Amino acid sequence: MFSESIQKMVDRVDGGVAGILMGFDGISVESYTRSALAPDAQTPDIQTVGMELAHVITQVRRAAELLEVGGLREVTIRSDKLTVLVYALNEEYFVACALRPDGNFGKARYLLRLLAPQIQSEL
């Protein structure tokens, strides 16, 4: 149900690698990994990335609550080989887009913000 929407988002981003809809409990609802990557590109296991991020983002959410700064909306993690944008949909789910460091970060962020309400209405 969500896989087509996630696929469209990842495929529209220059440098898009993968996308996932996941619960904060670390259980994946839907995911997509782009197959048309450069031959030398290493494809990350988006399931594993998502599970690890679920734990980290849960901790960040708790910190935001303790600091009384409001609900968590977005988190971006940049590393040497991968940038991951995470958008919290509600108390239970988040959607994420992984892209190469040279990918179009702005477009990925924009498309995530467009996709979020669509997925929220279907959850």
PDB file of N, CA and C in Angstrom:
ATOM      1  N   MET A   1       0.822  -1.187   0.000  1.00  0.00           N
ATOM      2  CA  MET A   1       0.000   0.000   0.000  1.00  0.00           C
ATOM      3  C   MET A   1       0.872   1.259   0.000  1.00  0.00           C
ATOM      4  N   PHE A   2       1.913   1.281   0.829  1.00  0.00           N
ATOM      5  CA  PHE A   2       2.774   2.449   0.919  1.00  0.00           C
ATOM      6  C   PHE A   2       4.001   2.346   0.028  1.00  0.00           C
ATOM      7  N   SER A   3       4.291   1.151  -0.459  1.00  0.00           N
ATOM      8  CA  SER A   3       5.551   0.934  -1.183  1.00  0.00           C
ATOM      9  C   SER A   3       5.645   1.785  -2.450  1.00  0.00           C
ATOM     10  N   GLU A   4       4.559   1.955  -3.164  1.00  0.00           N
ATOM     11  CA  GLU A   4       4.595   2.747  -4.389  1.00  0.00           C
ATOM     12  C   GLU A   4       4.920   4.211  -4.080  1.00  0.00           C
ATOM     13  N   SER A   5       4.330   4.747  -3.028  1.00  0.00           N
ATOM     14  CA  SER A   5       4.598   6.134  -2.638  1.00  0.00           C
ATOM     15  C   SER A   5       6.047   6.320  -2.218  1.00  0.00           C
ATOM     16  N   ILE A   6       6.565   5.380  -1.445  1.00  0.00           N
ATOM     17  CA  ILE A   6       7.964   5.453  -0.995  1.00  0.00           C
ATOM     18  C   ILE A   6       8.892   5.327  -2.190  1.00  0.00           C
ATOM     19  N   GLN A   7       8.581   4.414  -3.101  1.00  0.00           N
ATOM     20  CA  GLN A   7       9.409   4.230  -4.293  1.00  0.00           C
ATOM     21  C   GLN A   7       9.453   5.502  -5.137  1.00  0.00           C
ATOM     22  N   LYS A   8       8.300   6.126  -5.357  1.00  0.00           N
ATOM     23  CA  LYS A   8       8.254   7.359  -6.147  1.00  0.00           C
ATOM     24  C   LYS A   8       9.118   8.442  -5.516  1.00  0.00           C
ATOM     25  N   MET A   9       9.043   8.560  -4.191  1.00  0.00           N
ATOM     26  CA  MET A   9       9.832   9.572  -3.506  1.00  0.00           C
ATOM     27  C   MET A   9      11.326   9.327  -3.717  1.00  0.00           C
ATOM     28  N   VAL A  10      11.787   8.108  -3.472  1.00  0.00           N
ATOM     29  CA  VAL A  10      13.211   7.792  -3.594  1.00  0.00           C
ATOM     30  C   VAL A  10      13.685   7.978  -5.030  1.00  0.00           C
ATOM     31  N   ASP A  11      12.902   7.520  -5.984  1.00  0.00           N
ATOM     32  CA  ASP A  11      13.297   7.611  -7.391  1.00  0.00           C
ATOM     33  C   ASP A  11      13.341   9.048  -7.906  1.00  0.00           C
ATOM     34  N   ARG A  12      12.578   9.942  -7.289  1.00  0.00           N
ATOM     35  CA  ARG A  12      12.561  11.350  -7.719  1.00  0.00           C
ATOM     36  C   ARG A  12      13.727  12.157  -7.157  1.00  0.00           C
ATOM     37  N   VAL A  13      14.401  11.616  -6.160  1.00  0.00           N
ATOM     38  CA  VAL A  13      15.512  12.344  -5.528  1.00  0.00           C
ATOM     39  C   VAL A  13      16.821  11.969  -6.215  1.00  0.00           C
ATOM     40  N   ASP A  14      17.554  12.976  -6.680  1.00  0.00           N
ATOM     41  CA  ASP A  14      18.888  12.725  -7.224  1.00  0.00           C
ATOM     42  C   ASP A  14      19.757  12.217  -6.084  1.00  0.00           C
ATOM     43  N   GLY A  15      20.291  11.025  -6.238  1.00  0.00           N
ATOM     44  CA  GLY A  15      21.104  10.432  -5.183  1.00  0.00           C
ATOM     45  C   GLY A  15      20.305   9.624  -4.191  1.00  0.00           C
ATOM     46  N   GLY A  16      18.988   9.503  -4.405  1.00  0.00           N
ATOM     47  CA  GLY A  16      18.147   8.709  -3.513  1.00  0.00           C
ATOM     48  C   GLY A  16      18.547   7.250  -3.543  1.00  0.00           C
ATOM     49  N   VAL A  17      18.633   6.639  -2.385  1.00  0.00           N
ATOM     50  CA  VAL A  17      19.087   5.258  -2.276  1.00  0.00           C
ATOM     51  C   VAL A  17      17.974   4.339  -1.787  1.00  0.00           C
ATOM     52  N   ALA A  18      17.253   4.767  -0.735  1.00  0.00           N
ATOM     53  CA  ALA A  18      16.234   3.901  -0.147  1.00  0.00           C
ATOM     54  C   ALA A  18      15.254   4.724   0.669  1.00  0.00           C
ATOM     55  N   GLY A  19      14.120   4.114   0.970  1.00  0.00           N
ATOM     56  CA  GLY A  19      13.113   4.744   1.815  1.00  0.00           C
ATOM     57  C   GLY A  19      12.437   3.692   2.660  1.00  0.00           C
ATOM     58  N   ILE A  20      11.903   4.113   3.800  1.00  0.00           N
ATOM     59  CA  ILE A  20      11.259   3.149   4.692  1.00  0.00           C
ATOM     60  C   ILE A  20      10.171   3.824   5.512  1.00  0.00           C
ATOM     61  N   LEU A  21       9.105   3.084   5.755  1.00  0.00           N
ATOM     62  CA  LEU A  21       8.068   3.452   6.715  1.00  0.00           C
ATOM     63  C   LEU A  21       8.211   2.450   7.842  1.00  0.00           C
ATOM     64  N   MET A  22       8.437   2.946   9.045  1.00  0.00           N
ATOM     65  CA  MET A  22       8.754   2.051  10.147  1.00  0.00           C
ATOM     66  C   MET A  22       8.124   2.548  11.434  1.00  0.00           C
ATOM     67  N   GLY A  23       7.845   1.613  12.311  1.00  0.00           N
ATOM     68  CA  GLY A  23       7.365   1.963  13.638  1.00  0.00           C
ATOM     69  C   GLY A  23       8.539   2.290  14.538  1.00  0.00           C
ATOM     70  N   PHE A  24       8.294   3.092  15.550  1.00  0.00           N
ATOM     71  CA  PHE A  24       9.350   3.400  16.501  1.00  0.00           C
ATOM     72  C   PHE A  24       9.764   2.168  17.298  1.00  0.00           C
ATOM     73  N   ASP A  25       9.002   1.097  17.167  1.00  0.00           N
ATOM     74  CA  ASP A  25       9.378  -0.166  17.803  1.00  0.00           C
ATOM     75  C   ASP A  25      10.401  -0.938  16.976  1.00  0.00           C
ATOM     76  N   GLY A  26      10.771  -0.404  15.807  1.00  0.00           N
ATOM     77  CA  GLY A  26      11.777  -1.046  14.965  1.00  0.00           C
ATOM     78  C   GLY A  26      11.227  -2.039  13.961  1.00  0.00           C
ATOM     79  N   ILE A  27       9.909  -2.126  13.851  1.00  0.00           N
ATOM     80  CA  ILE A  27       9.282  -3.048  12.900  1.00  0.00           C
ATOM     81  C   ILE A  27       8.933  -2.281  11.632  1.00  0.00           C
ATOM     82  N   SER A  28       9.456  -2.765  10.516  1.00  0.00           N
ATOM     83  CA  SER A  28       9.243  -2.123   9.223  1.00  0.00           C
ATOM     84  C   SER A  28       7.840  -2.415   8.697  1.00  0.00           C
ATOM     85  N   VAL A  29       7.195  -1.385   8.185  1.00  0.00           N
ATOM     86  CA  VAL A  29       5.889  -1.542   7.550  1.00  0.00           C
ATOM     87  C   VAL A  29       6.090  -1.737   6.053  1.00  0.00           C
ATOM     88  N   GLU A  30       6.941  -0.899   5.466  1.00  0.00           N
ATOM     89  CA  GLU A  30       7.202  -0.957   4.025  1.00  0.00           C
ATOM     90  C   GLU A  30       8.565  -0.329   3.766  1.00  0.00           C
ATOM     91  N   SER A  31       9.266  -0.855   2.764  1.00  0.00           N
ATOM     92  CA  SER A  31      10.559  -0.263   2.416  1.00  0.00           C
ATOM     93  C   SER A  31      10.818  -0.434   0.924  1.00  0.00           C
ATOM     94  N   TYR A  32      11.761   0.348   0.439  1.00  0.00           N
ATOM     95  CA  TYR A  32      12.161   0.289  -0.964  1.00  0.00           C
ATOM     96  C   TYR A  32      13.628   0.656  -1.049  1.00  0.00           C
ATOM     97  N   THR A  33      14.385  -0.121  -1.813  1.00  0.00           N
ATOM     98  CA  THR A  33      15.783   0.187  -2.085  1.00  0.00           C
ATOM     99  C   THR A  33      15.941   0.290  -3.588  1.00  0.00           C
ATOM    100  N   ARG A  34      16.494   1.387  -4.029  1.00  0.00           N
ATOM    101  CA  ARG A  34      16.688   1.643  -5.455  1.00  0.00           C
ATOM    102  C   ARG A  34      17.716   0.668  -6.014  1.00  0.00           C
ATOM    103  N   SER A  35      17.397   0.059  -7.133  1.00  0.00           N
ATOM    104  CA  SER A  35      18.309  -0.917  -7.729  1.00  0.00           C
ATOM    105  C   SER A  35      19.238  -0.289  -8.761  1.00  0.00           C
ATOM    106  N   ALA A  36      18.892   0.865  -9.278  1.00  0.00           N
ATOM    107  CA  ALA A  36      19.676   1.483 -10.345  1.00  0.00           C
ATOM    108  C   ALA A  36      20.772   2.388  -9.782  1.00  0.00           C
ATOM    109  N   LEU A  37      21.600   1.826  -8.931  1.00  0.00           N
ATOM    110  CA  LEU A  37      22.711   2.582  -8.370  1.00  0.00           C
ATOM    111  C   LEU A  37      23.953   2.343  -9.201  1.00  0.00           C
ATOM    112  N   ALA A  38      24.939   3.198  -9.024  1.00  0.00           N
ATOM    113  CA  ALA A  38      26.214   3.006  -9.714  1.00  0.00           C
ATOM    114  C   ALA A  38      26.803   1.659  -9.302  1.00  0.00           C
ATOM    115  N   PRO A  39      27.498   0.964 -10.212  1.00  0.00           N
ATOM    116  CA  PRO A  39      28.021  -0.359  -9.903  1.00  0.00           C
ATOM    117  C   PRO A  39      28.942  -0.393  -8.684  1.00  0.00           C
ATOM    118  N   ASP A  40      29.638   0.698  -8.411  1.00  0.00           N
ATOM    119  CA  ASP A  40      30.549   0.704  -7.280  1.00  0.00           C
ATOM    120  C   ASP A  40      29.886   1.174  -5.989  1.00  0.00           C
ATOM    121  N   ALA A  41      28.624   1.567  -6.076  1.00  0.00           N
ATOM    122  CA  ALA A  41      27.924   2.051  -4.889  1.00  0.00           C
ATOM    123  C   ALA A  41      27.515   0.880  -4.002  1.00  0.00           C
ATOM    124  N   GLN A  42      27.698   1.075  -2.724  1.00  0.00           N
ATOM    125  CA  GLN A  42      27.313   0.061  -1.762  1.00  0.00           C
ATOM    126  C   GLN A  42      25.907   0.370  -1.274  1.00  0.00           C
ATOM    127  N   THR A  43      24.975  -0.543  -1.474  1.00  0.00           N
ATOM    128  CA  THR A  43      23.589  -0.332  -1.080  1.00  0.00           C
ATOM    129  C   THR A  43      23.424  -0.677   0.393  1.00  0.00           C
ATOM    130  N   PRO A  44      22.940   0.269   1.185  1.00  0.00           N
ATOM    131  CA  PRO A  44      22.745  -0.026   2.603  1.00  0.00           C
ATOM    132  C   PRO A  44      21.516  -0.903   2.806  1.00  0.00           C
ATOM    133  N   ASP A  45      21.509  -1.669   3.860  1.00  0.00           N
ATOM    134  CA  ASP A  45      20.334  -2.445   4.224  1.00  0.00           C
ATOM    135  C   ASP A  45      19.406  -1.497   4.984  1.00  0.00           C
ATOM    136  N   ILE A  46      18.404  -0.998   4.297  1.00  0.00           N
ATOM    137  CA  ILE A  46      17.528   0.013   4.876  1.00  0.00           C
ATOM    138  C   ILE A  46      16.769  -0.526   6.085  1.00  0.00           C
ATOM    139  N   GLN A  47      16.531  -1.816   6.131  1.00  0.00           N
ATOM    140  CA  GLN A  47      15.862  -2.418   7.296  1.00  0.00           C
ATOM    141  C   GLN A  47      16.721  -2.248   8.549  1.00  0.00           C
ATOM    142  N   THR A  48      18.009  -2.545   8.410  1.00  0.00           N
ATOM    143  CA  THR A  48      18.928  -2.420   9.545  1.00  0.00           C
ATOM    144  C   THR A  48      19.110  -0.960   9.935  1.00  0.00           C
ATOM    145  N   VAL A  49      19.280  -0.104   8.934  1.00  0.00           N
ATOM    146  CA  VAL A  49      19.417   1.330   9.202  1.00  0.00           C
ATOM    147  C   VAL A  49      18.183   1.826   9.957  1.00  0.00           C
ATOM    148  N   GLY A  50      17.012   1.439   9.496  1.00  0.00           N
ATOM    149  CA  GLY A  50      15.766   1.859  10.137  1.00  0.00           C
ATOM    150  C   GLY A  50      15.638   1.376  11.565  1.00  0.00           C
ATOM    151  N   MET A  51      16.001   0.112  11.806  1.00  0.00           N
ATOM    152  CA  MET A  51      15.915  -0.429  13.170  1.00  0.00           C
ATOM    153  C   MET A  51      16.826   0.335  14.128  1.00  0.00           C
ATOM    154  N   GLU A  52      18.042   0.599  13.686  1.00  0.00           N
ATOM    155  CA  GLU A  52      18.977   1.344  14.537  1.00  0.00           C
ATOM    156  C   GLU A  52      18.495   2.771  14.763  1.00  0.00           C
ATOM    157  N   LEU A  53      17.966   3.387  13.708  1.00  0.00           N
ATOM    158  CA  LEU A  53      17.467   4.753  13.842  1.00  0.00           C
ATOM    159  C   LEU A  53      16.244   4.833  14.750  1.00  0.00           C
ATOM    160  N   ALA A  54      15.406   3.818  14.729  1.00  0.00           N
ATOM    161  CA  ALA A  54      14.215   3.811  15.575  1.00  0.00           C
ATOM    162  C   ALA A  54      14.602   3.986  17.036  1.00  0.00           C
ATOM    163  N   HIS A  55      15.642   3.280  17.451  1.00  0.00           N
ATOM    164  CA  HIS A  55      16.096   3.385  18.839  1.00  0.00           C
ATOM    165  C   HIS A  55      16.644   4.786  19.125  1.00  0.00           C
ATOM    166  N   VAL A  56      17.483   5.285  18.243  1.00  0.00           N
ATOM    167  CA  VAL A  56      18.096   6.609  18.438  1.00  0.00           C
ATOM    168  C   VAL A  56      17.029   7.703  18.450  1.00  0.00           C
ATOM    169  N   ILE A  57      16.098   7.637  17.529  1.00  0.00           N
ATOM    170  CA  ILE A  57      15.068   8.669  17.428  1.00  0.00           C
ATOM    171  C   ILE A  57      14.137   8.632  18.645  1.00  0.00           C
ATOM    172  N   THR A  58      13.882   7.453  19.166  1.00  0.00           N
ATOM    173  CA  THR A  58      13.090   7.346  20.383  1.00  0.00           C
ATOM    174  C   THR A  58      13.774   8.091  21.524  1.00  0.00           C
ATOM    175  N   GLN A  59      15.085   7.949  21.612  1.00  0.00           N
ATOM    176  CA  GLN A  59      15.836   8.663  22.653  1.00  0.00           C
ATOM    177  C   GLN A  59      15.795  10.182  22.432  1.00  0.00           C
ATOM    178  N   VAL A  60      15.886  10.611  21.182  1.00  0.00           N
ATOM    179  CA  VAL A  60      15.819  12.041  20.869  1.00  0.00           C
ATOM    180  C   VAL A  60      14.418  12.580  21.204  1.00  0.00           C
ATOM    181  N   ARG A  61      13.401  11.808  20.917  1.00  0.00           N
ATOM    182  CA  ARG A  61      12.028  12.221  21.255  1.00  0.00           C
ATOM    183  C   ARG A  61      11.870  12.412  22.756  1.00  0.00           C
ATOM    184  N   ARG A  62      12.430  11.473  23.523  1.00  0.00           N
ATOM    185  CA  ARG A  62      12.350  11.587  24.982  1.00  0.00           C
ATOM    186  C   ARG A  62      13.084  12.833  25.470  1.00  0.00           C
ATOM    187  N   ALA A  63      14.241  13.094  24.894  1.00  0.00           N
ATOM    188  CA  ALA A  63      15.005  14.278  25.280  1.00  0.00           C
ATOM    189  C   ALA A  63      14.212  15.544  24.972  1.00  0.00           C
ATOM    190  N   ALA A  64      13.554  15.600  23.818  1.00  0.00           N
ATOM    191  CA  ALA A  64      12.748  16.768  23.458  1.00  0.00           C
ATOM    192  C   ALA A  64      11.603  16.958  24.455  1.00  0.00           C
ATOM    193  N   GLU A  65      11.005  15.863  24.889  1.00  0.00           N
ATOM    194  CA  GLU A  65       9.930  15.953  25.876  1.00  0.00           C
ATOM    195  C   GLU A  65      10.454  16.460  27.216  1.00  0.00           C
ATOM    196  N   LEU A  66      11.597  15.930  27.652  1.00  0.00           N
ATOM    197  CA  LEU A  66      12.186  16.368  28.921  1.00  0.00           C
ATOM    198  C   LEU A  66      12.567  17.843  28.892  1.00  0.00           C
ATOM    199  N   LEU A  67      13.018  18.294  27.747  1.00  0.00           N
ATOM    200  CA  LEU A  67      13.411  19.692  27.594  1.00  0.00           C
ATOM    201  C   LEU A  67      12.223  20.612  27.331  1.00  0.00           C
ATOM    202  N   GLU A  68      11.064  20.011  27.125  1.00  0.00           N
ATOM    203  CA  GLU A  68       9.833  20.736  26.864  1.00  0.00           C
ATOM    204  C   GLU A  68       9.957  21.673  25.662  1.00  0.00           C
ATOM    205  N   VAL A  69      10.530  21.135  24.563  1.00  0.00           N
ATOM    206  CA  VAL A  69      10.691  21.925  23.338  1.00  0.00           C
ATOM    207  C   VAL A  69       9.663  21.548  22.278  1.00  0.00           C
ATOM    208  N   GLY A  70       8.738  20.680  22.625  1.00  0.00           N
ATOM    209  CA  GLY A  70       7.700  20.277  21.683  1.00  0.00           C
ATOM    210  C   GLY A  70       7.982  18.927  21.065  1.00  0.00           C
ATOM    211  N   GLY A  71       7.065  18.486  20.249  1.00  0.00           N
ATOM    212  CA  GLY A  71       7.176  17.180  19.610  1.00  0.00           C
ATOM    213  C   GLY A  71       8.233  17.159  18.518  1.00  0.00           C
ATOM    214  N   LEU A  72       8.852  16.029  18.367  1.00  0.00           N
ATOM    215  CA  LEU A  72       9.880  15.846  17.347  1.00  0.00           C
ATOM    216  C   LEU A  72       9.226  15.730  15.973  1.00  0.00           C
ATOM    217  N   ARG A  73       9.737  16.464  14.993  1.00  0.00           N
ATOM    218  CA  ARG A  73       9.215  16.427  13.631  1.00  0.00           C
ATOM    219  C   ARG A  73      10.207  15.799  12.666  1.00  0.00           C
ATOM    220  N   GLU A  74      11.435  16.296  12.662  1.00  0.00           N
ATOM    221  CA  GLU A  74      12.428  15.836  11.688  1.00  0.00           C
ATOM    222  C   GLU A  74      13.769  15.593  12.367  1.00  0.00           C
ATOM    223  N   VAL A  75      14.500  14.638  11.814  1.00  0.00           N
ATOM    224  CA  VAL A  75      15.872  14.379  12.238  1.00  0.00           C
ATOM    225  C   VAL A  75      16.666  14.078  10.976  1.00  0.00           C
ATOM    226  N   THR A  76      17.872  14.638  10.895  1.00  0.00           N
ATOM    227  CA  THR A  76      18.755  14.348   9.772  1.00  0.00           C
ATOM    228  C   THR A  76      20.062  13.818  10.319  1.00  0.00           C
ATOM    229  N   ILE A  77      20.517  12.728   9.735  1.00  0.00           N
ATOM    230  CA  ILE A  77      21.794  12.137  10.120  1.00  0.00           C
ATOM    231  C   ILE A  77      22.665  12.103   8.881  1.00  0.00           C
ATOM    232  N   ARG A  78      23.806  12.763   8.967  1.00  0.00           N
ATOM    233  CA  ARG A  78      24.749  12.801   7.844  1.00  0.00           C
ATOM    234  C   ARG A  78      26.015  12.078   8.243  1.00  0.00           C
ATOM    235  N   SER A  79      26.433  11.171   7.387  1.00  0.00           N
ATOM    236  CA  SER A  79      27.700  10.479   7.597  1.00  0.00           C
ATOM    237  C   SER A  79      28.511  10.597   6.307  1.00  0.00           C
ATOM    238  N   ASP A  80      29.691  10.022   6.308  1.00  0.00           N
ATOM    239  CA  ASP A  80      30.543  10.103   5.119  1.00  0.00           C
ATOM    240  C   ASP A  80      29.918   9.436   3.899  1.00  0.00           C
ATOM    241  N   LYS A  81      29.152   8.370   4.125  1.00  0.00           N
ATOM    242  CA  LYS A  81      28.636   7.595   3.002  1.00  0.00           C
ATOM    243  C   LYS A  81      27.126   7.654   2.821  1.00  0.00           C
ATOM    244  N   LEU A  82      26.409   8.246   3.770  1.00  0.00           N
ATOM    245  CA  LEU A  82      24.956   8.213   3.691  1.00  0.00           C
ATOM    246  C   LEU A  82      24.356   9.373   4.476  1.00  0.00           C
ATOM    247  N   THR A  83      23.300   9.946   3.924  1.00  0.00           N
ATOM    248  CA  THR A  83      22.499  10.944   4.628  1.00  0.00           C
ATOM    249  C   THR A  83      21.105  10.356   4.778  1.00  0.00           C
ATOM    250  N   VAL A  84      20.566  10.406   5.985  1.00  0.00           N
ATOM    251  CA  VAL A  84      19.232   9.863   6.238  1.00  0.00           C
ATOM    252  C   VAL A  84      18.364  10.960   6.831  1.00  0.00           C
ATOM    253  N   LEU A  85      17.243  11.216   6.174  1.00  0.00           N
ATOM    254  CA  LEU A  85      16.260  12.180   6.654  1.00  0.00           C
ATOM    255  C   LEU A  85      15.099  11.398   7.242  1.00  0.00           C
ATOM    256  N   VAL A  86      14.698  11.758   8.433  1.00  0.00           N
ATOM    257  CA  VAL A  86      13.615  11.064   9.128  1.00  0.00           C
ATOM    258  C   VAL A  86      12.521  12.068   9.440  1.00  0.00           C
ATOM    259  N   TYR A  87      11.291  11.691   9.135  1.00  0.00           N
ATOM    260  CA  TYR A  87      10.138  12.539   9.421  1.00  0.00           C
ATOM    261  C   TYR A  87       9.173  11.751  10.298  1.00  0.00           C
ATOM    262  N   ALA A  88       8.922  12.259  11.494  1.00  0.00           N
ATOM    263  CA  ALA A  88       8.001  11.592  12.411  1.00  0.00           C
ATOM    264  C   ALA A  88       6.567  11.834  11.951  1.00  0.00           C
ATOM    265  N   LEU A  89       5.821  10.753  11.789  1.00  0.00           N
ATOM    266  CA  LEU A  89       4.433  10.862  11.321  1.00  0.00           C
ATOM    267  C   LEU A  89       3.460  11.027  12.477  1.00  0.00           C
ATOM    268  N   ASN A  90       3.690  10.279  13.546  1.00  0.00           N
ATOM    269  CA  ASN A  90       2.858  10.346  14.746  1.00  0.00           C
ATOM    270  C   ASN A  90       3.640   9.689  15.883  1.00  0.00           C
ATOM    271  N   GLU A  91       2.970   9.304  16.930  1.00  0.00           N
ATOM    272  CA  GLU A  91       3.655   8.701  18.082  1.00  0.00           C
ATOM    273  C   GLU A  91       4.177   7.293  17.794  1.00  0.00           C
ATOM    274  N   GLU A  92       3.710   6.672  16.722  1.00  0.00           N
ATOM    275  CA  GLU A  92       4.075   5.286  16.452  1.00  0.00           C
ATOM    276  C   GLU A  92       4.968   5.081  15.236  1.00  0.00           C
ATOM    277  N   TYR A  93       4.913   5.961  14.223  1.00  0.00           N
ATOM    278  CA  TYR A  93       5.578   5.708  12.952  1.00  0.00           C
ATOM    279  C   TYR A  93       6.424   6.883  12.468  1.00  0.00           C
ATOM    280  N   PHE A  94       7.415   6.535  11.657  1.00  0.00           N
ATOM    281  CA  PHE A  94       8.207   7.537  10.955  1.00  0.00           C
ATOM    282  C   PHE A  94       8.488   7.053   9.545  1.00  0.00           C
ATOM    283  N   VAL A  95       8.786   7.992   8.672  1.00  0.00           N
ATOM    284  CA  VAL A  95       9.191   7.683   7.306  1.00  0.00           C
ATOM    285  C   VAL A  95      10.579   8.277   7.126  1.00  0.00           C
ATOM    286  N   ALA A  96      11.438   7.551   6.399  1.00  0.00           N
ATOM    287  CA  ALA A  96      12.813   8.008   6.213  1.00  0.00           C
ATOM    288  C   ALA A  96      13.240   7.840   4.762  1.00  0.00           C
ATOM    289  N   CYS A  97      14.147   8.699   4.350  1.00  0.00           N
ATOM    290  CA  CYS A  97      14.732   8.639   3.018  1.00  0.00           C
ATOM    291  C   CYS A  97      16.248   8.673   3.173  1.00  0.00           C
ATOM    292  N   ALA A  98      16.922   7.700   2.570  1.00  0.00           N
ATOM    293  CA  ALA A  98      18.386   7.644   2.597  1.00  0.00           C
ATOM    294  C   ALA A  98      18.910   8.060   1.236  1.00  0.00           C
ATOM    295  N   LEU A  99      19.956   8.880   1.235  1.00  0.00           N
ATOM    296  CA  LEU A  99      20.550   9.307  -0.017  1.00  0.00           C
ATOM    297  C   LEU A  99      22.063   9.403   0.122  1.00  0.00           C
ATOM    298  N   ARG A 100      22.707   9.393  -1.028  1.00  0.00           N
ATOM    299  CA  ARG A 100      24.158   9.567  -1.042  1.00  0.00           C
ATOM    300  C   ARG A 100      24.482  10.960  -0.526  1.00  0.00           C
ATOM    301  N   PRO A 101      25.671  11.157   0.025  1.00  0.00           N
ATOM    302  CA  PRO A 101      26.033  12.484   0.548  1.00  0.00           C
ATOM    303  C   PRO A 101      25.970  13.598  -0.495  1.00  0.00           C
ATOM    304  N   ASP A 102      26.175  13.249  -1.765  1.00  0.00           N
ATOM    305  CA  ASP A 102      26.109  14.256  -2.820  1.00  0.00           C
ATOM    306  C   ASP A 102      24.700  14.384  -3.409  1.00  0.00           C
ATOM    307  N   GLY A 103      23.724  13.695  -2.808  1.00  0.00           N
ATOM    308  CA  GLY A 103      22.346  13.733  -3.292  1.00  0.00           C
ATOM    309  C   GLY A 103      21.675  15.063  -3.001  1.00  0.00           C
ATOM    310  N   ASN A 104      20.511  15.248  -3.564  1.00  0.00           N
ATOM    311  CA  ASN A 104      19.762  16.495  -3.429  1.00  0.00           C
ATOM    312  C   ASN A 104      18.975  16.486  -2.116  1.00  0.00           C
ATOM    313  N   PHE A 105      19.629  16.950  -1.073  1.00  0.00           N
ATOM    314  CA  PHE A 105      19.058  16.975   0.267  1.00  0.00           C
ATOM    315  C   PHE A 105      17.767  17.788   0.328  1.00  0.00           C
ATOM    316  N   GLY A 106      17.764  18.950  -0.285  1.00  0.00           N
ATOM    317  CA  GLY A 106      16.588  19.818  -0.258  1.00  0.00           C
ATOM    318  C   GLY A 106      15.366  19.170  -0.888  1.00  0.00           C
ATOM    319  N   LYS A 107      15.571  18.507  -2.021  1.00  0.00           N
ATOM    320  CA  LYS A 107      14.449  17.854  -2.686  1.00  0.00           C
ATOM    321  C   LYS A 107      13.939  16.672  -1.864  1.00  0.00           C
ATOM    322  N   ALA A 108      14.866  15.930  -1.267  1.00  0.00           N
ATOM    323  CA  ALA A 108      14.462  14.805  -0.420  1.00  0.00           C
ATOM    324  C   ALA A 108      13.614  15.297   0.753  1.00  0.00           C
ATOM    325  N   ARG A 109      14.033  16.369   1.359  1.00  0.00           N
ATOM    326  CA  ARG A 109      13.292  16.934   2.488  1.00  0.00           C
ATOM    327  C   ARG A 109      11.916  17.417   2.044  1.00  0.00           C
ATOM    328  N   TYR A 110      11.859  18.069   0.912  1.00  0.00           N
ATOM    329  CA  TYR A 110      10.594  18.553   0.364  1.00  0.00           C
ATOM    330  C   TYR A 110       9.640  17.388   0.072  1.00  0.00           C
ATOM    331  N   LEU A 111      10.151  16.344  -0.591  1.00  0.00           N
ATOM    332  CA  LEU A 111       9.303  15.203  -0.937  1.00  0.00           C
ATOM    333  C   LEU A 111       8.829  14.444   0.301  1.00  0.00           C
ATOM    334  N   LEU A 112       9.676  14.366   1.326  1.00  0.00           N
ATOM    335  CA  LEU A 112       9.254  13.737   2.581  1.00  0.00           C
ATOM    336  C   LEU A 112       8.100  14.510   3.208  1.00  0.00           C
ATOM    337  N   ARG A 113       8.205  15.825   3.179  1.00  0.00           N
ATOM    338  CA  ARG A 113       7.156  16.658   3.762  1.00  0.00           C
ATOM    339  C   ARG A 113       5.851  16.558   2.977  1.00  0.00           C
ATOM    340  N   LEU A 114       5.931  16.287   1.672  1.00  0.00           N
ATOM    341  CA  LEU A 114       4.718  16.065   0.874  1.00  0.00           C
ATOM    342  C   LEU A 114       4.138  14.672   1.120  1.00  0.00           C
ATOM    343  N   LEU A 115       5.016  13.699   1.286  1.00  0.00           N
ATOM    344  CA  LEU A 115       4.581  12.315   1.469  1.00  0.00           C
ATOM    345  C   LEU A 115       3.956  12.076   2.845  1.00  0.00           C
ATOM    346  N   ALA A 116       4.449  12.756   3.857  1.00  0.00           N
ATOM    347  CA  ALA A 116       4.008  12.514   5.234  1.00  0.00           C
ATOM    348  C   ALA A 116       2.489  12.604   5.418  1.00  0.00           C
ATOM    349  N   PRO A 117       1.824  13.678   4.982  1.00  0.00           N
ATOM    350  CA  PRO A 117       0.366  13.741   5.185  1.00  0.00           C
ATOM    351  C   PRO A 117      -0.385  12.634   4.450  1.00  0.00           C
ATOM    352  N   GLN A 118       0.119  12.250   3.292  1.00  0.00           N
ATOM    353  CA  GLN A 118      -0.512  11.180   2.532  1.00  0.00           C
ATOM    354  C   GLN A 118      -0.463   9.867   3.313  1.00  0.00           C
ATOM    355  N   ILE A 119       0.695   9.557   3.861  1.00  0.00           N
ATOM    356  CA  ILE A 119       0.837   8.315   4.631  1.00  0.00           C
ATOM    357  C   ILE A 119       0.043   8.406   5.928  1.00  0.00           C
ATOM    358  N   GLN A 120       0.068   9.560   6.587  1.00  0.00           N
ATOM    359  CA  GLN A 120      -0.680   9.740   7.833  1.00  0.00           C
ATOM    360  C   GLN A 120      -2.164   9.474   7.626  1.00  0.00           C
ATOM    361  N   SER A 121      -2.708   9.909   6.514  1.00  0.00           N
ATOM    362  CA  SER A 121      -4.130   9.705   6.256  1.00  0.00           C
ATOM    363  C   SER A 121      -4.472   8.245   6.004  1.00  0.00           C
ATOM    364  N   GLU A 122      -3.482   7.460   5.581  1.00  0.00           N
ATOM    365  CA  GLU A 122      -3.718   6.050   5.290  1.00  0.00           C
ATOM    366  C   GLU A 122      -3.413   5.135   6.472  1.00  0.00           C
ATOM    367  N   LEU A 123      -2.732   5.656   7.488  1.00  0.00           N
ATOM    368  CA  LEU A 123      -2.378   4.810   8.647  1.00  0.00           C
ATOM    369  C   LEU A 123      -3.573   4.505   9.511  1.00  0.00           C
TER     370      LEU A 123
END
